[in-house]
Every structure is written in structure tokens, then in C-alpha cells.
Amino acid sequence: MLLFIDKAAKDKWTSTCQHGWSRKGLHCCVSRCFIQGTRFPILPAITLNGIIAYDIIEGPANSQHFVRFLEEHVMPLTNPYPGPCSVIIMDNCHIHKTEEVCALIEDMHCMSINTLFFTY
């Protein structure tokens, strides 16, 4: 019934962690590099069974990308409430609350819940 949608991203700063874990007495030291300067937002749709859809784009994600992700990847997998994947849970990000997003969810007779806080 529950379908969670959130955004994550990968860029050159993602792997620059200042802390880590290692065996007692050993220094934690790993150097990794990703594509410099380019940001890759990841839009996943996750159920209790795992990731059922995702999209990775280059550059910043905006409301147009999010609507396209819903139309092409998520909405075909939803069912009318109270069926499987019928309750869509998102954070309070502005791109999750546009009129287009609300209309898409209502047209599929699904329910939308926006959490109070950003998760990033």
C-alpha cells in the first residue's frame, strides 16, 4: 500500500566523508573520486519490498523532471486506494506539491501524504 518517493544526489562532494570506521589500531583511509562538477539527482520510488522505479538525471531536478518521473515510471505501477502502491508518501519539498503532481495522483485515485520535514 505504501510508496515512498524522495530525492538523493551524487556529485564530487558526496564521497568526501570526514569520518569512517576501521579495525582497532588502524587508520581509516579511503580515497575515491566521482565525476567532477556534475550533479546526478536520483529519484527512487520505494515500497516495503524495495525499489520499484527510479530515474537518474544529469543536473538539478526540478518540478518538470519530477512530473515526468511520476508519469513515466511511478503512476503505471500505482493502484486506486486502498490497493497496492496507492498511498504515496513524499517530503515537503516544493516540487512534490505542484498542481500537476496533485492532479496526477488524484487521477489515479491514489492518496498523497507529505511529511512535515525535508529529509535532506
N, C-alpha and C. Protein backbone atom coordinates (compact mmCIF):
# COMPACT_ATOMS: atom_id res chain seq x y z
N MET A 1 0.81 -1.19 0.00
CA MET A 1 0.00 0.00 0.00
C MET A 1 0.86 1.27 0.00
N LEU A 2 1.96 1.28 0.74
CA LEU A 2 2.79 2.47 0.87
C LEU A 2 3.85 2.55 -0.23
N LEU A 3 4.01 3.74 -0.79
CA LEU A 3 5.02 4.01 -1.81
C LEU A 3 5.73 5.30 -1.41
N PHE A 4 7.03 5.22 -1.18
CA PHE A 4 7.81 6.37 -0.73
C PHE A 4 8.60 6.94 -1.90
N ILE A 5 8.58 8.26 -2.04
CA ILE A 5 9.35 8.93 -3.09
C ILE A 5 10.20 10.01 -2.44
N ASP A 6 11.48 10.02 -2.76
CA ASP A 6 12.38 11.04 -2.25
C ASP A 6 13.49 11.25 -3.27
N LYS A 7 14.31 12.25 -3.05
CA LYS A 7 15.40 12.53 -3.97
C LYS A 7 16.72 12.40 -3.24
N ALA A 8 17.67 11.83 -3.92
CA ALA A 8 19.05 11.79 -3.44
C ALA A 8 19.91 12.33 -4.59
N ALA A 9 21.18 12.55 -4.34
CA ALA A 9 22.04 13.05 -5.41
C ALA A 9 23.48 12.62 -5.17
N LYS A 10 24.23 12.59 -6.25
CA LYS A 10 25.65 12.24 -6.21
C LYS A 10 26.41 13.31 -6.98
N ASP A 11 27.45 13.84 -6.35
CA ASP A 11 28.35 14.77 -7.02
C ASP A 11 29.74 14.61 -6.41
N LYS A 12 30.66 15.51 -6.76
CA LYS A 12 32.04 15.35 -6.30
C LYS A 12 32.18 15.45 -4.79
N TRP A 13 31.23 16.08 -4.12
CA TRP A 13 31.34 16.25 -2.67
C TRP A 13 30.74 15.09 -1.89
N THR A 14 29.97 14.25 -2.53
CA THR A 14 29.29 13.17 -1.83
C THR A 14 30.25 12.22 -1.15
N SER A 15 31.36 11.92 -1.80
CA SER A 15 32.29 10.94 -1.23
C SER A 15 33.36 11.55 -0.34
N THR A 16 33.26 12.84 -0.03
CA THR A 16 34.27 13.46 0.82
C THR A 16 33.82 13.40 2.28
N CYS A 17 33.77 12.22 2.81
CA CYS A 17 33.38 11.98 4.20
C CYS A 17 34.60 12.21 5.11
N GLN A 18 34.39 12.86 6.22
CA GLN A 18 35.48 13.15 7.14
C GLN A 18 35.67 12.07 8.20
N HIS A 19 34.73 11.15 8.31
CA HIS A 19 34.79 10.12 9.35
C HIS A 19 34.48 8.76 8.75
N GLY A 20 34.97 7.71 9.39
CA GLY A 20 34.71 6.35 8.93
C GLY A 20 35.06 5.35 10.02
N TRP A 21 34.95 4.08 9.70
CA TRP A 21 35.23 3.01 10.65
C TRP A 21 36.36 2.13 10.13
N SER A 22 37.18 1.67 11.05
CA SER A 22 38.23 0.71 10.69
C SER A 22 38.50 -0.17 11.91
N ARG A 23 39.33 -1.18 11.71
CA ARG A 23 39.69 -2.05 12.83
C ARG A 23 40.46 -1.25 13.88
N LYS A 24 40.35 -1.69 15.11
CA LYS A 24 41.02 -1.02 16.21
C LYS A 24 42.52 -0.94 15.95
N GLY A 25 43.08 0.25 16.10
CA GLY A 25 44.51 0.45 15.90
C GLY A 25 44.89 0.82 14.47
N LEU A 26 43.95 0.76 13.52
CA LEU A 26 44.23 1.10 12.13
C LEU A 26 43.54 2.41 11.77
N HIS A 27 44.19 3.19 10.89
CA HIS A 27 43.59 4.42 10.40
C HIS A 27 42.58 4.09 9.31
N CYS A 28 41.51 4.85 9.28
CA CYS A 28 40.51 4.69 8.24
C CYS A 28 40.88 5.64 7.10
N CYS A 29 41.29 5.10 5.97
CA CYS A 29 41.76 5.94 4.88
C CYS A 29 41.34 5.33 3.54
N VAL A 30 40.44 6.02 2.84
CA VAL A 30 40.00 5.59 1.52
C VAL A 30 39.86 6.84 0.66
N SER A 31 40.40 6.82 -0.54
CA SER A 31 40.24 7.93 -1.47
C SER A 31 39.43 7.45 -2.66
N ARG A 32 38.38 8.18 -2.97
CA ARG A 32 37.55 7.85 -4.12
C ARG A 32 37.20 9.13 -4.85
N CYS A 33 36.96 8.99 -6.13
CA CYS A 33 36.62 10.14 -6.95
C CYS A 33 35.42 9.80 -7.82
N PHE A 34 34.51 10.72 -7.97
CA PHE A 34 33.36 10.54 -8.86
C PHE A 34 33.52 11.56 -9.98
N ILE A 35 32.54 11.73 -10.81
CA ILE A 35 32.61 12.69 -11.91
C ILE A 35 32.64 14.10 -11.32
N GLN A 36 33.68 14.85 -11.62
CA GLN A 36 33.89 16.17 -11.04
C GLN A 36 32.87 17.19 -11.57
N GLY A 37 32.24 17.91 -10.66
CA GLY A 37 31.42 19.06 -11.02
C GLY A 37 30.02 18.78 -11.51
N THR A 38 29.65 17.56 -11.81
CA THR A 38 28.32 17.26 -12.32
C THR A 38 27.50 16.61 -11.22
N ARG A 39 26.28 17.09 -11.07
CA ARG A 39 25.38 16.53 -10.05
C ARG A 39 24.39 15.59 -10.73
N PHE A 40 24.18 14.44 -10.11
CA PHE A 40 23.26 13.43 -10.63
C PHE A 40 22.16 13.15 -9.61
N PRO A 41 21.00 13.82 -9.73
CA PRO A 41 19.89 13.51 -8.83
C PRO A 41 19.31 12.13 -9.15
N ILE A 42 18.93 11.42 -8.11
CA ILE A 42 18.33 10.10 -8.22
C ILE A 42 16.93 10.19 -7.64
N LEU A 43 15.93 9.83 -8.43
CA LEU A 43 14.55 9.85 -7.97
C LEU A 43 14.08 8.40 -7.83
N PRO A 44 14.06 7.85 -6.62
CA PRO A 44 13.58 6.48 -6.44
C PRO A 44 12.14 6.43 -5.94
N ALA A 45 11.44 5.36 -6.31
CA ALA A 45 10.13 5.03 -5.74
C ALA A 45 10.34 3.72 -4.99
N ILE A 46 10.09 3.74 -3.69
CA ILE A 46 10.43 2.61 -2.83
C ILE A 46 9.19 2.12 -2.09
N THR A 47 8.98 0.80 -2.12
CA THR A 47 7.93 0.18 -1.32
C THR A 47 8.60 -0.62 -0.21
N LEU A 48 7.81 -1.30 0.58
CA LEU A 48 8.37 -2.15 1.63
C LEU A 48 9.12 -3.33 1.04
N ASN A 49 8.90 -3.62 -0.24
CA ASN A 49 9.60 -4.71 -0.93
C ASN A 49 10.87 -4.26 -1.64
N GLY A 50 11.17 -2.96 -1.63
CA GLY A 50 12.37 -2.45 -2.27
C GLY A 50 12.07 -1.38 -3.31
N ILE A 51 13.08 -1.05 -4.11
CA ILE A 51 12.95 -0.03 -5.16
C ILE A 51 12.16 -0.62 -6.32
N ILE A 52 11.07 0.05 -6.71
CA ILE A 52 10.27 -0.44 -7.83
C ILE A 52 10.44 0.41 -9.08
N ALA A 53 10.97 1.63 -8.92
CA ALA A 53 11.22 2.51 -10.07
C ALA A 53 12.25 3.55 -9.65
N TYR A 54 13.02 4.02 -10.63
CA TYR A 54 13.97 5.10 -10.35
C TYR A 54 14.31 5.81 -11.64
N ASP A 55 14.84 7.01 -11.50
CA ASP A 55 15.33 7.78 -12.63
C ASP A 55 16.56 8.55 -12.16
N ILE A 56 17.58 8.57 -12.98
CA ILE A 56 18.80 9.32 -12.70
C ILE A 56 18.97 10.32 -13.82
N ILE A 57 19.11 11.59 -13.47
CA ILE A 57 19.27 12.62 -14.48
C ILE A 57 20.57 13.38 -14.23
N GLU A 58 20.98 14.14 -15.22
CA GLU A 58 22.18 14.97 -15.07
C GLU A 58 21.73 16.40 -14.82
N GLY A 59 22.30 17.02 -13.82
CA GLY A 59 21.94 18.38 -13.48
C GLY A 59 20.85 18.42 -12.42
N PRO A 60 20.40 19.61 -12.06
CA PRO A 60 19.42 19.72 -10.97
C PRO A 60 18.05 19.17 -11.36
N ALA A 61 17.36 18.59 -10.39
CA ALA A 61 16.00 18.09 -10.62
C ALA A 61 15.02 19.23 -10.33
N ASN A 62 14.06 19.41 -11.21
CA ASN A 62 13.04 20.42 -10.99
C ASN A 62 11.65 19.78 -11.08
N SER A 63 10.61 20.58 -11.00
CA SER A 63 9.26 20.03 -10.98
C SER A 63 8.91 19.33 -12.29
N GLN A 64 9.45 19.79 -13.42
CA GLN A 64 9.19 19.12 -14.71
C GLN A 64 9.78 17.72 -14.73
N HIS A 65 11.01 17.57 -14.22
CA HIS A 65 11.61 16.24 -14.13
C HIS A 65 10.79 15.34 -13.21
N PHE A 66 10.34 15.90 -12.09
CA PHE A 66 9.59 15.10 -11.13
C PHE A 66 8.26 14.64 -11.71
N VAL A 67 7.56 15.52 -12.41
CA VAL A 67 6.28 15.15 -13.04
C VAL A 67 6.51 14.08 -14.09
N ARG A 68 7.55 14.23 -14.90
CA ARG A 68 7.86 13.21 -15.92
C ARG A 68 8.18 11.86 -15.27
N PHE A 69 8.93 11.89 -14.17
CA PHE A 69 9.24 10.66 -13.43
C PHE A 69 7.96 9.99 -12.94
N LEU A 70 7.05 10.78 -12.39
CA LEU A 70 5.77 10.21 -11.94
C LEU A 70 4.99 9.61 -13.10
N GLU A 71 4.86 10.38 -14.19
CA GLU A 71 4.07 9.92 -15.34
C GLU A 71 4.63 8.64 -15.96
N GLU A 72 5.95 8.61 -16.17
CA GLU A 72 6.56 7.51 -16.92
C GLU A 72 6.91 6.29 -16.07
N HIS A 73 7.28 6.52 -14.81
CA HIS A 73 7.82 5.41 -14.02
C HIS A 73 6.94 4.99 -12.84
N VAL A 74 6.29 5.94 -12.19
CA VAL A 74 5.59 5.63 -10.95
C VAL A 74 4.10 5.35 -11.16
N MET A 75 3.40 6.25 -11.82
CA MET A 75 1.94 6.11 -11.92
C MET A 75 1.49 4.82 -12.60
N PRO A 76 2.22 4.29 -13.59
CA PRO A 76 1.80 2.99 -14.15
C PRO A 76 1.84 1.85 -13.13
N LEU A 77 2.56 2.02 -12.03
CA LEU A 77 2.68 0.97 -11.02
C LEU A 77 1.70 1.14 -9.86
N THR A 78 0.94 2.24 -9.85
CA THR A 78 0.03 2.50 -8.74
C THR A 78 -1.33 1.88 -9.00
N ASN A 79 -2.12 1.82 -7.95
CA ASN A 79 -3.49 1.31 -8.00
C ASN A 79 -4.38 2.25 -7.21
N PRO A 80 -5.69 2.24 -7.49
CA PRO A 80 -6.59 3.07 -6.69
C PRO A 80 -6.55 2.67 -5.21
N TYR A 81 -6.74 3.66 -4.34
CA TYR A 81 -6.76 3.42 -2.90
C TYR A 81 -7.92 2.49 -2.57
N PRO A 82 -7.75 1.47 -1.78
CA PRO A 82 -6.69 1.07 -0.88
C PRO A 82 -5.82 -0.05 -1.42
N GLY A 83 -5.58 -0.10 -2.71
CA GLY A 83 -4.80 -1.17 -3.31
C GLY A 83 -3.30 -1.02 -3.08
N PRO A 84 -2.52 -1.95 -3.64
CA PRO A 84 -1.06 -1.88 -3.54
C PRO A 84 -0.54 -0.60 -4.20
N CYS A 85 0.46 0.00 -3.61
CA CYS A 85 1.08 1.24 -4.14
C CYS A 85 0.05 2.34 -4.35
N SER A 86 -0.85 2.51 -3.39
CA SER A 86 -1.90 3.52 -3.54
C SER A 86 -1.72 4.72 -2.62
N VAL A 87 -0.81 4.64 -1.65
CA VAL A 87 -0.53 5.76 -0.75
C VAL A 87 0.89 6.22 -1.03
N ILE A 88 1.03 7.42 -1.58
CA ILE A 88 2.33 7.97 -1.97
C ILE A 88 2.80 8.94 -0.89
N ILE A 89 3.95 8.64 -0.30
CA ILE A 89 4.49 9.45 0.79
C ILE A 89 5.74 10.17 0.30
N MET A 90 5.72 11.51 0.43
CA MET A 90 6.83 12.35 -0.03
C MET A 90 7.16 13.36 1.06
N ASP A 91 8.35 13.96 1.00
CA ASP A 91 8.65 15.02 1.94
C ASP A 91 7.98 16.31 1.47
N ASN A 92 8.22 17.38 2.19
CA ASN A 92 7.51 18.64 1.97
C ASN A 92 8.19 19.53 0.92
N CYS A 93 8.97 18.96 0.04
CA CYS A 93 9.68 19.72 -0.99
C CYS A 93 8.67 20.38 -1.94
N HIS A 94 8.96 21.58 -2.40
CA HIS A 94 8.02 22.32 -3.24
C HIS A 94 7.69 21.61 -4.55
N ILE A 95 8.62 20.84 -5.12
CA ILE A 95 8.32 20.15 -6.39
C ILE A 95 7.36 18.98 -6.19
N HIS A 96 7.13 18.57 -4.95
CA HIS A 96 6.19 17.48 -4.67
C HIS A 96 4.77 17.99 -4.50
N LYS A 97 4.58 19.31 -4.45
CA LYS A 97 3.27 19.86 -4.15
C LYS A 97 2.68 20.71 -5.28
N THR A 98 3.18 20.56 -6.50
CA THR A 98 2.65 21.35 -7.60
C THR A 98 1.26 20.85 -7.99
N GLU A 99 0.52 21.67 -8.72
CA GLU A 99 -0.82 21.29 -9.17
C GLU A 99 -0.77 20.06 -10.07
N GLU A 100 0.27 19.97 -10.91
CA GLU A 100 0.41 18.81 -11.80
C GLU A 100 0.58 17.52 -11.03
N VAL A 101 1.41 17.56 -10.00
CA VAL A 101 1.64 16.37 -9.17
C VAL A 101 0.35 15.96 -8.48
N CYS A 102 -0.34 16.91 -7.88
CA CYS A 102 -1.61 16.61 -7.20
C CYS A 102 -2.63 16.04 -8.17
N ALA A 103 -2.71 16.60 -9.38
CA ALA A 103 -3.66 16.11 -10.38
C ALA A 103 -3.33 14.68 -10.81
N LEU A 104 -2.05 14.38 -11.02
CA LEU A 104 -1.65 13.02 -11.40
C LEU A 104 -2.07 12.01 -10.34
N ILE A 105 -1.83 12.34 -9.10
CA ILE A 105 -2.17 11.42 -8.01
C ILE A 105 -3.68 11.27 -7.87
N GLU A 106 -4.41 12.37 -7.99
CA GLU A 106 -5.87 12.30 -7.90
C GLU A 106 -6.47 11.52 -9.07
N ASP A 107 -5.92 11.70 -10.28
CA ASP A 107 -6.44 10.99 -11.46
C ASP A 107 -6.32 9.48 -11.32
N MET A 108 -5.32 9.02 -10.59
CA MET A 108 -5.13 7.58 -10.38
C MET A 108 -5.86 7.10 -9.13
N HIS A 109 -6.63 8.00 -8.48
CA HIS A 109 -7.39 7.68 -7.27
C HIS A 109 -6.49 7.16 -6.15
N CYS A 110 -5.30 7.75 -6.07
CA CYS A 110 -4.35 7.41 -5.01
C CYS A 110 -4.43 8.47 -3.91
N MET A 111 -3.76 8.21 -2.82
CA MET A 111 -3.69 9.15 -1.71
C MET A 111 -2.25 9.65 -1.58
N SER A 112 -2.10 10.94 -1.30
CA SER A 112 -0.77 11.53 -1.14
C SER A 112 -0.60 12.05 0.28
N ILE A 113 0.56 11.75 0.87
CA ILE A 113 0.89 12.26 2.20
C ILE A 113 2.24 12.96 2.11
N ASN A 114 2.27 14.23 2.51
CA ASN A 114 3.53 14.97 2.56
C ASN A 114 3.99 15.06 4.00
N THR A 115 5.24 14.65 4.26
CA THR A 115 5.78 14.75 5.61
C THR A 115 6.08 16.20 5.93
N LEU A 116 6.29 16.50 7.18
CA LEU A 116 6.49 17.89 7.61
C LEU A 116 7.87 18.42 7.33
N PHE A 117 8.87 17.54 7.21
CA PHE A 117 10.25 18.00 7.13
C PHE A 117 10.93 17.49 5.87
N PHE A 118 11.93 18.23 5.40
CA PHE A 118 12.80 17.75 4.34
C PHE A 118 13.63 16.61 4.89
N THR A 119 13.95 15.64 4.05
CA THR A 119 14.78 14.53 4.50
C THR A 119 16.22 14.69 4.06
N TYR A 120 16.59 15.82 3.48
CA TYR A 120 17.97 16.08 3.08
C TYR A 120 18.35 17.47 3.42
